[in-house]
Amino acid sequence: MLGDAAASVPLSTPGLWLTGAERGLMLAGLALALGGLAGRGLARNYKGFRPGPLPGPWAARGSLLGAAASAALLVTALIGPRLAAQLARPNPPGLTSGGTAQIAAVELALFVLAAIVLRLRRSGPAVALLCAVVIAEGIRSHPEGVVPAAGALVTYCHVFPAVLWAGMLCYAVRTAIAWRNHPTAAHGIIKLYATAAAWLFALVLISGVISVLVLVPLGSLVTTTYGLFLMAKVLVVGVAAVAAVAGRMWLRRQPVGGGAPAVANRLEVVALAAAIAITGILTVLTPPH
């Protein structure tokens, strides 16, 4: 029977999938908010002709999504504290019962405050609040439970570039679609994103490899639930990377072609969304370390 030797919650437990989905939605909201703000900042560096104003980032919407998901996580943890503690293994140091409810409450407050300051058009404080969400995620992460302090640092080096990659891509595609009648401008925005994405992918790859070495013995990659979900995540991230390369090649071959983003860029969006969903499930599975 497939499973982790240390796991006490079977994969068939509905609460596991619910909590994983809530975490995935929280990460999606974080990507839309923090990555959207970063995407707009990057797009402002475009020096060519702008056929119209830059689209507003979906930062407030992302913050509200993150707040809703965090509230759901908090309610789920309070209703089933025993299950929440089991899904938080290995326990992060200093947090009772895995810290699920405490971290969810902190993230809820941070997302709500971010939505408020964004409503007041204060993006600087919002960025700081959203970065604090990433810090909270590092504190409750699996690597932190295995290697205190260093594990949180690895998580920061993985989550920050991952949410920026996804959020900046979403913003770049939205901008390219808005400017599709002006191909040169649309391509210019995608090119700016592609350069940043190459560096972000490198950080995601390096930090992801380190996380795997910390959490999963190589022999457990194909014999445990955690290992199989991890391989599925690697696969979809690989698809996203290939799509990113294909999109860049499309730009080089058609510098003044159709203004809408290539199919490869849209596939990249779908692949990164799938990676976020799988990450949500991974956060509630017990690694086989």
C-alpha atoms as a PDB file:
ATOM      1  CA  MET A   1       0.000   0.000   0.000  1.00  0.00           C
ATOM      2  CA  LEU A   2       1.357   3.397  -0.980  1.00  0.00           C
ATOM      3  CA  GLY A   3       2.075   5.790   1.894  1.00  0.00           C
ATOM      4  CA  ASP A   4       4.626   7.425   4.112  1.00  0.00           C
ATOM      5  CA  ALA A   5       6.091   5.470   6.966  1.00  0.00           C
ATOM      6  CA  ALA A   6       5.721   8.425   9.294  1.00  0.00           C
ATOM      7  CA  ALA A   7       2.321   9.565   8.041  1.00  0.00           C
ATOM      8  CA  SER A   8      -0.635   9.253  10.407  1.00  0.00           C
ATOM      9  CA  VAL A   9      -3.242  10.811   8.129  1.00  0.00           C
ATOM     10  CA  PRO A  10      -4.281   8.690   5.132  1.00  0.00           C
ATOM     11  CA  LEU A  11      -4.613  10.335   1.763  1.00  0.00           C
ATOM     12  CA  SER A  12      -8.308   9.462   1.749  1.00  0.00           C
ATOM     13  CA  THR A  13      -8.986  11.831   4.680  1.00  0.00           C
ATOM     14  CA  PRO A  14     -11.298  14.620   3.397  1.00  0.00           C
ATOM     15  CA  GLY A  15      -9.740  17.115   5.811  1.00  0.00           C
ATOM     16  CA  LEU A  16      -6.367  16.617   4.186  1.00  0.00           C
ATOM     17  CA  TRP A  17      -7.631  17.616   0.742  1.00  0.00           C
ATOM     18  CA  LEU A  18      -9.645  20.516   2.185  1.00  0.00           C
ATOM     19  CA  THR A  19      -6.653  21.922   4.057  1.00  0.00           C
ATOM     20  CA  GLY A  20      -4.412  21.394   1.042  1.00  0.00           C
ATOM     21  CA  ALA A  21      -6.878  23.237  -1.197  1.00  0.00           C
ATOM     22  CA  GLU A  22      -7.074  26.101   1.297  1.00  0.00           C
ATOM     23  CA  ARG A  23      -3.287  26.383   1.359  1.00  0.00           C
ATOM     24  CA  GLY A  24      -3.159  26.303  -2.433  1.00  0.00           C
ATOM     25  CA  LEU A  25      -5.697  29.148  -2.671  1.00  0.00           C
ATOM     26  CA  MET A  26      -3.733  31.123  -0.083  1.00  0.00           C
ATOM     27  CA  LEU A  27      -0.558  30.754  -2.153  1.00  0.00           C
ATOM     28  CA  ALA A  28      -2.467  31.695  -5.317  1.00  0.00           C
ATOM     29  CA  GLY A  29      -3.710  34.859  -3.624  1.00  0.00           C
ATOM     30  CA  LEU A  30      -0.183  35.666  -2.493  1.00  0.00           C
ATOM     31  CA  ALA A  31       1.126  35.191  -6.039  1.00  0.00           C
ATOM     32  CA  LEU A  32      -1.558  37.437  -7.533  1.00  0.00           C
ATOM     33  CA  ALA A  33      -0.929  40.130  -4.929  1.00  0.00           C
ATOM     34  CA  LEU A  34       2.837  40.177  -4.447  1.00  0.00           C
ATOM     35  CA  GLY A  35       3.682  38.973  -7.964  1.00  0.00           C
ATOM     36  CA  GLY A  36       1.188  41.402  -9.481  1.00  0.00           C
ATOM     37  CA  LEU A  37       2.802  44.355  -7.732  1.00  0.00           C
ATOM     38  CA  ALA A  38       6.225  43.156  -8.851  1.00  0.00           C
ATOM     39  CA  GLY A  39       4.933  42.686 -12.397  1.00  0.00           C
ATOM     40  CA  ARG A  40       3.641  46.248 -12.570  1.00  0.00           C
ATOM     41  CA  GLY A  41       6.943  47.515 -11.201  1.00  0.00           C
ATOM     42  CA  LEU A  42       8.787  45.599 -13.888  1.00  0.00           C
ATOM     43  CA  ALA A  43       6.439  46.792 -16.641  1.00  0.00           C
ATOM     44  CA  ARG A  44       7.120  50.407 -15.673  1.00  0.00           C
ATOM     45  CA  ASN A  45      10.674  49.851 -16.895  1.00  0.00           C
ATOM     46  CA  TYR A  46       9.439  49.373 -20.467  1.00  0.00           C
ATOM     47  CA  LYS A  47      10.985  52.218 -22.459  1.00  0.00           C
ATOM     48  CA  GLY A  48       9.098  51.831 -25.728  1.00  0.00           C
ATOM     49  CA  PHE A  49       5.817  53.314 -26.883  1.00  0.00           C
ATOM     50  CA  ARG A  50       2.917  52.565 -24.546  1.00  0.00           C
ATOM     51  CA  PRO A  51      -0.398  52.286 -26.377  1.00  0.00           C
ATOM     52  CA  GLY A  52      -2.301  52.775 -23.144  1.00  0.00           C
ATOM     53  CA  PRO A  53      -1.989  52.774 -19.365  1.00  0.00           C
ATOM     54  CA  LEU A  54      -0.624  49.690 -17.653  1.00  0.00           C
ATOM     55  CA  PRO A  55      -3.349  47.434 -16.229  1.00  0.00           C
ATOM     56  CA  GLY A  56      -3.777  47.669 -12.491  1.00  0.00           C
ATOM     57  CA  PRO A  57      -2.349  44.672 -10.629  1.00  0.00           C
ATOM     58  CA  TRP A  58      -4.823  42.277  -9.064  1.00  0.00           C
ATOM     59  CA  ALA A  59      -3.084  42.869  -5.736  1.00  0.00           C
ATOM     60  CA  ALA A  60      -6.225  43.784  -3.781  1.00  0.00           C
ATOM     61  CA  ARG A  61      -8.107  40.810  -5.238  1.00  0.00           C
ATOM     62  CA  GLY A  62      -5.197  38.526  -4.460  1.00  0.00           C
ATOM     63  CA  SER A  63      -5.041  39.842  -0.897  1.00  0.00           C
ATOM     64  CA  LEU A  64      -8.763  39.203  -0.438  1.00  0.00           C
ATOM     65  CA  LEU A  65      -8.364  35.689  -1.850  1.00  0.00           C
ATOM     66  CA  GLY A  66      -5.465  35.060   0.508  1.00  0.00           C
ATOM     67  CA  ALA A  67      -7.488  36.429   3.425  1.00  0.00           C
ATOM     68  CA  ALA A  68     -10.450  34.188   2.590  1.00  0.00           C
ATOM     69  CA  ALA A  69      -8.214  31.130   2.304  1.00  0.00           C
ATOM     70  CA  SER A  70      -6.433  31.985   5.571  1.00  0.00           C
ATOM     71  CA  ALA A  71      -9.776  32.424   7.321  1.00  0.00           C
ATOM     72  CA  ALA A  72     -10.871  29.024   6.017  1.00  0.00           C
ATOM     73  CA  LEU A  73      -7.595  27.501   7.263  1.00  0.00           C
ATOM     74  CA  LEU A  74      -8.151  29.041  10.680  1.00  0.00           C
ATOM     75  CA  VAL A  75     -11.723  27.741  10.914  1.00  0.00           C
ATOM     76  CA  THR A  76     -10.653  24.272   9.744  1.00  0.00           C
ATOM     77  CA  ALA A  77      -7.863  24.168  12.334  1.00  0.00           C
ATOM     78  CA  LEU A  78     -10.163  25.311  15.151  1.00  0.00           C
ATOM     79  CA  ILE A  79     -12.869  22.786  14.242  1.00  0.00           C
ATOM     80  CA  GLY A  80     -10.400  19.894  13.946  1.00  0.00           C
ATOM     81  CA  PRO A  81      -7.346  20.747  16.058  1.00  0.00           C
ATOM     82  CA  ARG A  82      -6.163  17.151  16.242  1.00  0.00           C
ATOM     83  CA  LEU A  83      -6.214  16.719  12.472  1.00  0.00           C
ATOM     84  CA  ALA A  84      -4.575  20.115  12.018  1.00  0.00           C
ATOM     85  CA  ALA A  85      -1.723  19.033  14.304  1.00  0.00           C
ATOM     86  CA  GLN A  86      -1.299  15.774  12.392  1.00  0.00           C
ATOM     87  CA  LEU A  87      -1.153  17.626   9.072  1.00  0.00           C
ATOM     88  CA  ALA A  88       1.588  19.926  10.382  1.00  0.00           C
ATOM     89  CA  ARG A  89       4.224  17.224  10.862  1.00  0.00           C
ATOM     90  CA  PRO A  90       7.131  17.599  11.351  1.00  0.00           C
ATOM     91  CA  ASN A  91       6.241  20.186  13.982  1.00  0.00           C
ATOM     92  CA  PRO A  92       8.035  23.518  13.567  1.00  0.00           C
ATOM     93  CA  PRO A  93      10.023  24.396  16.700  1.00  0.00           C
ATOM     94  CA  GLY A  94       8.246  26.606  19.220  1.00  0.00           C
ATOM     95  CA  LEU A  95       4.755  26.108  17.771  1.00  0.00           C
ATOM     96  CA  THR A  96       2.245  24.018  19.685  1.00  0.00           C
ATOM     97  CA  SER A  97       0.155  21.577  17.665  1.00  0.00           C
ATOM     98  CA  GLY A  98       2.114  22.478  14.541  1.00  0.00           C
ATOM     99  CA  GLY A  99       1.097  26.128  14.723  1.00  0.00           C
ATOM    100  CA  THR A 100      -1.583  25.751  12.049  1.00  0.00           C
ATOM    101  CA  ALA A 101      -4.168  27.971  13.726  1.00  0.00           C
ATOM    102  CA  GLN A 102      -1.613  30.537  14.921  1.00  0.00           C
ATOM    103  CA  ILE A 103       0.035  30.938  11.519  1.00  0.00           C
ATOM    104  CA  ALA A 104      -3.342  31.073   9.743  1.00  0.00           C
ATOM    105  CA  ALA A 105      -4.487  33.850  12.111  1.00  0.00           C
ATOM    106  CA  VAL A 106      -1.309  35.849  11.473  1.00  0.00           C
ATOM    107  CA  GLU A 107      -1.613  35.421   7.696  1.00  0.00           C
ATOM    108  CA  LEU A 108      -5.287  36.424   7.817  1.00  0.00           C
ATOM    109  CA  ALA A 109      -4.385  39.655   9.596  1.00  0.00           C
ATOM    110  CA  LEU A 110      -1.549  40.373   7.148  1.00  0.00           C
ATOM    111  CA  PHE A 111      -3.724  39.816   4.085  1.00  0.00           C
ATOM    112  CA  VAL A 112      -6.540  41.992   5.485  1.00  0.00           C
ATOM    113  CA  LEU A 113      -4.115  44.802   6.293  1.00  0.00           C
ATOM    114  CA  ALA A 114      -2.575  44.483   2.820  1.00  0.00           C
ATOM    115  CA  ALA A 115      -6.025  44.773   1.217  1.00  0.00           C
ATOM    116  CA  ILE A 116      -6.768  47.882   3.307  1.00  0.00           C
ATOM    117  CA  VAL A 117      -3.537  49.712   2.442  1.00  0.00           C
ATOM    118  CA  LEU A 118      -3.953  48.765  -1.213  1.00  0.00           C
ATOM    119  CA  ARG A 119      -7.397  50.301  -1.090  1.00  0.00           C
ATOM    120  CA  LEU A 120      -5.646  53.441   0.144  1.00  0.00           C
ATOM    121  CA  ARG A 121      -3.233  53.159  -2.823  1.00  0.00           C
ATOM    122  CA  ARG A 122      -0.219  52.478  -0.621  1.00  0.00           C
ATOM    123  CA  SER A 123       1.622  49.719  -2.440  1.00  0.00           C
ATOM    124  CA  GLY A 124       4.841  50.035  -0.415  1.00  0.00           C
ATOM    125  CA  PRO A 125       3.352  48.974   2.943  1.00  0.00           C
ATOM    126  CA  ALA A 126       1.329  46.321   1.120  1.00  0.00           C
ATOM    127  CA  VAL A 127       4.508  44.749  -0.256  1.00  0.00           C
ATOM    128  CA  ALA A 128       5.974  44.624   3.266  1.00  0.00           C
ATOM    129  CA  LEU A 129       2.826  42.968   4.633  1.00  0.00           C
ATOM    130  CA  LEU A 130       2.743  40.402   1.826  1.00  0.00           C
ATOM    131  CA  CYS A 131       6.435  39.609   2.357  1.00  0.00           C
ATOM    132  CA  ALA A 132       5.561  38.966   5.992  1.00  0.00           C
ATOM    133  CA  VAL A 133       3.130  36.283   4.785  1.00  0.00           C
ATOM    134  CA  VAL A 134       6.064  34.513   3.126  1.00  0.00           C
ATOM    135  CA  ILE A 135       8.010  34.781   6.391  1.00  0.00           C
ATOM    136  CA  ALA A 136       5.086  33.193   8.254  1.00  0.00           C
ATOM    137  CA  GLU A 137       4.971  30.372   5.707  1.00  0.00           C
ATOM    138  CA  GLY A 138       8.679  29.720   6.253  1.00  0.00           C
ATOM    139  CA  ILE A 139       8.142  29.405  10.000  1.00  0.00           C
ATOM    140  CA  ARG A 140       5.543  26.668   9.544  1.00  0.00           C
ATOM    141  CA  SER A 141       7.232  24.909   6.622  1.00  0.00           C
ATOM    142  CA  HIS A 142       8.408  21.291   6.478  1.00  0.00           C
ATOM    143  CA  PRO A 143      12.099  22.206   6.069  1.00  0.00           C
ATOM    144  CA  GLU A 144      11.899  24.353   9.208  1.00  0.00           C
ATOM    145  CA  GLY A 145      10.539  21.349  11.127  1.00  0.00           C
ATOM    146  CA  VAL A 146      13.529  19.259  10.020  1.00  0.00           C
ATOM    147  CA  VAL A 147      16.326  21.852  10.120  1.00  0.00           C
ATOM    148  CA  PRO A 148      15.368  24.816  12.358  1.00  0.00           C
ATOM    149  CA  ALA A 149      16.329  28.284  11.074  1.00  0.00           C
ATOM    150  CA  ALA A 150      18.078  26.946   7.958  1.00  0.00           C
ATOM    151  CA  GLY A 151      14.846  25.268   6.849  1.00  0.00           C
ATOM    152  CA  ALA A 152      12.931  28.549   6.978  1.00  0.00           C
ATOM    153  CA  LEU A 153      15.676  30.238   4.955  1.00  0.00           C
ATOM    154  CA  VAL A 154      15.418  27.565   2.252  1.00  0.00           C
ATOM    155  CA  THR A 155      11.652  28.059   2.179  1.00  0.00           C
ATOM    156  CA  TYR A 156      12.030  31.819   1.739  1.00  0.00           C
ATOM    157  CA  CYS A 157      14.439  31.255  -1.149  1.00  0.00           C
ATOM    158  CA  HIS A 158      11.849  28.975  -2.751  1.00  0.00           C
ATOM    159  CA  VAL A 159       8.516  30.693  -2.045  1.00  0.00           C
ATOM    160  CA  PHE A 160       9.573  34.267  -2.851  1.00  0.00           C
ATOM    161  CA  PRO A 161      10.756  33.574  -6.428  1.00  0.00           C
ATOM    162  CA  ALA A 162       7.936  31.075  -7.008  1.00  0.00           C
ATOM    163  CA  VAL A 163       5.126  33.514  -6.190  1.00  0.00           C
ATOM    164  CA  LEU A 164       6.897  36.306  -8.072  1.00  0.00           C
ATOM    165  CA  TRP A 165       7.284  34.067 -11.136  1.00  0.00           C
ATOM    166  CA  ALA A 166       3.599  33.133 -11.173  1.00  0.00           C
ATOM    167  CA  GLY A 167       2.272  36.597 -10.363  1.00  0.00           C
ATOM    168  CA  MET A 168       4.553  38.447 -12.778  1.00  0.00           C
ATOM    169  CA  LEU A 169       3.617  36.054 -15.572  1.00  0.00           C
ATOM    170  CA  CYS A 170      -0.078  36.638 -14.954  1.00  0.00           C
ATOM    171  CA  TYR A 171       0.451  40.402 -15.057  1.00  0.00           C
ATOM    172  CA  ALA A 172       2.621  40.250 -18.181  1.00  0.00           C
ATOM    173  CA  VAL A 173       0.028  38.157 -20.032  1.00  0.00           C
ATOM    174  CA  ARG A 174      -2.763  40.532 -18.981  1.00  0.00           C
ATOM    175  CA  THR A 175      -0.738  43.504 -20.231  1.00  0.00           C
ATOM    176  CA  ALA A 176       0.093  41.787 -23.515  1.00  0.00           C
ATOM    177  CA  ILE A 177      -3.577  41.002 -24.070  1.00  0.00           C
ATOM    178  CA  ALA A 178      -4.546  44.618 -23.291  1.00  0.00           C
ATOM    179  CA  TRP A 179      -1.943  45.825 -25.815  1.00  0.00           C
ATOM    180  CA  ARG A 180      -2.524  43.083 -28.388  1.00  0.00           C
ATOM    181  CA  ASN A 181      -3.318  45.622 -31.124  1.00  0.00           C
ATOM    182  CA  HIS A 182       0.202  47.023 -30.706  1.00  0.00           C
ATOM    183  CA  PRO A 183       2.476  43.972 -31.160  1.00  0.00           C
ATOM    184  CA  THR A 184       5.774  45.727 -30.511  1.00  0.00           C
ATOM    185  CA  ALA A 185       4.636  46.999 -27.108  1.00  0.00           C
ATOM    186  CA  ALA A 186       3.050  43.677 -26.162  1.00  0.00           C
ATOM    187  CA  HIS A 187       6.222  41.790 -27.108  1.00  0.00           C
ATOM    188  CA  GLY A 188       8.322  44.277 -25.168  1.00  0.00           C
ATOM    189  CA  ILE A 189       6.438  43.537 -21.941  1.00  0.00           C
ATOM    190  CA  ILE A 190       6.724  39.775 -22.439  1.00  0.00           C
ATOM    191  CA  LYS A 191      10.457  40.122 -23.103  1.00  0.00           C
ATOM    192  CA  LEU A 192      10.932  42.068 -19.881  1.00  0.00           C
ATOM    193  CA  TYR A 193       9.094  39.322 -17.999  1.00  0.00           C
ATOM    194  CA  ALA A 194      11.034  36.530 -19.725  1.00  0.00           C
ATOM    195  CA  THR A 195      14.376  37.946 -18.579  1.00  0.00           C
ATOM    196  CA  ALA A 196      13.199  38.180 -14.963  1.00  0.00           C
ATOM    197  CA  ALA A 197      11.590  34.738 -15.140  1.00  0.00           C
ATOM    198  CA  ALA A 198      14.893  33.108 -16.107  1.00  0.00           C
ATOM    199  CA  TRP A 199      16.503  34.309 -12.865  1.00  0.00           C
ATOM    200  CA  LEU A 200      13.441  33.420 -10.796  1.00  0.00           C
ATOM    201  CA  PHE A 201      13.347  29.912 -12.246  1.00  0.00           C
ATOM    202  CA  ALA A 202      17.013  29.422 -11.358  1.00  0.00           C
ATOM    203  CA  LEU A 203      16.284  30.352  -7.735  1.00  0.00           C
ATOM    204  CA  VAL A 204      13.223  28.086  -7.624  1.00  0.00           C
ATOM    205  CA  LEU A 205      15.236  25.199  -9.054  1.00  0.00           C
ATOM    206  CA  ILE A 206      18.202  25.542  -6.682  1.00  0.00           C
ATOM    207  CA  SER A 207      16.105  26.016  -3.545  1.00  0.00           C
ATOM    208  CA  GLY A 208      13.764  23.209  -4.620  1.00  0.00           C
ATOM    209  CA  VAL A 209      16.669  20.771  -4.976  1.00  0.00           C
ATOM    210  CA  ILE A 210      17.905  21.718  -1.503  1.00  0.00           C
ATOM    211  CA  SER A 211      14.412  21.173  -0.057  1.00  0.00           C
ATOM    212  CA  VAL A 212      14.216  17.746  -1.670  1.00  0.00           C
ATOM    213  CA  LEU A 213      17.578  16.750  -0.212  1.00  0.00           C
ATOM    214  CA  VAL A 214      16.392  17.859   3.233  1.00  0.00           C
ATOM    215  CA  LEU A 215      12.955  16.237   3.150  1.00  0.00           C
ATOM    216  CA  VAL A 216      13.049  13.174   0.890  1.00  0.00           C
ATOM    217  CA  PRO A 217      15.601  10.355   0.716  1.00  0.00           C
ATOM    218  CA  LEU A 218      16.135   9.578  -2.960  1.00  0.00           C
ATOM    219  CA  GLY A 219      14.798   6.053  -2.518  1.00  0.00           C
ATOM    220  CA  SER A 220      11.496   7.459  -1.258  1.00  0.00           C
ATOM    221  CA  LEU A 221      10.685   9.524  -4.348  1.00  0.00           C
ATOM    222  CA  VAL A 222       8.726   6.708  -5.987  1.00  0.00           C
ATOM    223  CA  THR A 223       7.652   4.754  -2.906  1.00  0.00           C
ATOM    224  CA  THR A 224       5.880   7.421  -0.827  1.00  0.00           C
ATOM    225  CA  THR A 225       2.873   9.633  -1.354  1.00  0.00           C
ATOM    226  CA  TYR A 226       4.931  12.735  -0.630  1.00  0.00           C
ATOM    227  CA  GLY A 227       7.570  11.684  -3.129  1.00  0.00           C
ATOM    228  CA  LEU A 228       5.032  11.084  -5.890  1.00  0.00           C
ATOM    229  CA  PHE A 229       3.324  14.430  -5.350  1.00  0.00           C
ATOM    230  CA  LEU A 230       6.752  16.052  -5.352  1.00  0.00           C
ATOM    231  CA  MET A 231       7.582  14.407  -8.677  1.00  0.00           C
ATOM    232  CA  ALA A 232       4.241  15.627 -10.059  1.00  0.00           C
ATOM    233  CA  LYS A 233       5.175  19.162  -9.013  1.00  0.00           C
ATOM    234  CA  VAL A 234       8.595  18.825 -10.653  1.00  0.00           C
ATOM    235  CA  LEU A 235       6.860  17.683 -13.836  1.00  0.00           C
ATOM    236  CA  VAL A 236       4.471  20.647 -14.049  1.00  0.00           C
ATOM    237  CA  VAL A 237       7.233  23.115 -13.169  1.00  0.00           C
ATOM    238  CA  GLY A 238       9.271  21.530 -15.958  1.00  0.00           C
ATOM    239  CA  VAL A 239       6.342  22.048 -18.322  1.00  0.00           C
ATOM    240  CA  ALA A 240       6.194  25.697 -17.238  1.00  0.00           C
ATOM    241  CA  ALA A 241       9.922  26.101 -17.887  1.00  0.00           C
ATOM    242  CA  VAL A 242       9.663  24.523 -21.336  1.00  0.00           C
ATOM    243  CA  ALA A 243       6.665  26.742 -22.124  1.00  0.00           C
ATOM    244  CA  ALA A 244       8.656  29.796 -21.026  1.00  0.00           C
ATOM    245  CA  VAL A 245      11.514  28.873 -23.360  1.00  0.00           C
ATOM    246  CA  ALA A 246       9.062  28.205 -26.202  1.00  0.00           C
ATOM    247  CA  GLY A 247       7.412  31.576 -25.606  1.00  0.00           C
ATOM    248  CA  ARG A 248      10.757  33.330 -25.797  1.00  0.00           C
ATOM    249  CA  MET A 249      11.580  31.535 -29.055  1.00  0.00           C
ATOM    250  CA  TRP A 250       8.208  32.650 -30.430  1.00  0.00           C
ATOM    251  CA  LEU A 251       9.122  36.246 -29.626  1.00  0.00           C
ATOM    252  CA  ARG A 252      12.409  35.958 -31.476  1.00  0.00           C
ATOM    253  CA  ARG A 253      10.813  34.436 -34.556  1.00  0.00           C
ATOM    254  CA  GLN A 254       7.906  36.875 -34.694  1.00  0.00           C
ATOM    255  CA  PRO A 255       9.160  40.223 -33.348  1.00  0.00           C
ATOM    256  CA  VAL A 256       6.289  42.123 -34.922  1.00  0.00           C
ATOM    257  CA  GLY A 257       3.708  39.376 -35.287  1.00  0.00           C
ATOM    258  CA  GLY A 258       0.418  38.960 -33.484  1.00  0.00           C
ATOM    259  CA  GLY A 259       0.268  40.998 -30.313  1.00  0.00           C
ATOM    260  CA  ALA A 260      -1.493  38.432 -28.132  1.00  0.00           C
ATOM    261  CA  PRO A 261       0.668  36.164 -25.970  1.00  0.00           C
ATOM    262  CA  ALA A 262       1.719  32.896 -27.510  1.00  0.00           C
ATOM    263  CA  VAL A 263      -0.043  29.661 -26.571  1.00  0.00           C
ATOM    264  CA  ALA A 264       3.180  28.746 -24.756  1.00  0.00           C
ATOM    265  CA  ASN A 265       2.774  31.692 -22.379  1.00  0.00           C
ATOM    266  CA  ARG A 266      -0.781  30.661 -21.577  1.00  0.00           C
ATOM    267  CA  LEU A 267       0.366  27.079 -21.017  1.00  0.00           C
ATOM    268  CA  GLU A 268       2.978  28.461 -18.624  1.00  0.00           C
ATOM    269  CA  VAL A 269       0.196  30.136 -16.629  1.00  0.00           C
ATOM    270  CA  VAL A 270      -1.756  26.866 -16.407  1.00  0.00           C
ATOM    271  CA  ALA A 271       1.329  24.869 -15.400  1.00  0.00           C
ATOM    272  CA  LEU A 272       2.258  27.317 -12.639  1.00  0.00           C
ATOM    273  CA  ALA A 273      -1.332  27.276 -11.352  1.00  0.00           C
ATOM    274  CA  ALA A 274      -1.141  23.471 -11.192  1.00  0.00           C
ATOM    275  CA  ALA A 275       2.194  23.706  -9.371  1.00  0.00           C
ATOM    276  CA  ILE A 276       0.635  25.982  -6.747  1.00  0.00           C
ATOM    277  CA  ALA A 277      -2.256  23.548  -6.270  1.00  0.00           C
ATOM    278  CA  ILE A 278       0.129  20.615  -5.811  1.00  0.00           C
ATOM    279  CA  THR A 279       2.224  22.666  -3.397  1.00  0.00           C
ATOM    280  CA  GLY A 280      -0.876  23.171  -1.267  1.00  0.00           C
ATOM    281  CA  ILE A 281      -1.266  19.399  -0.956  1.00  0.00           C
ATOM    282  CA  LEU A 282       2.429  18.893  -0.250  1.00  0.00           C
ATOM    283  CA  THR A 283       2.226  21.234   2.741  1.00  0.00           C
ATOM    284  CA  VAL A 284      -0.171  18.834   4.506  1.00  0.00           C
ATOM    285  CA  LEU A 285       1.597  15.572   3.633  1.00  0.00           C
ATOM    286  CA  THR A 286       4.251  14.231   5.983  1.00  0.00           C
ATOM    287  CA  PRO A 287       7.652  14.060   4.254  1.00  0.00           C
ATOM    288  CA  PRO A 288       9.446  10.715   4.548  1.00  0.00           C
ATOM    289  CA  HIS A 289      12.621  12.188   6.068  1.00  0.00           C
END
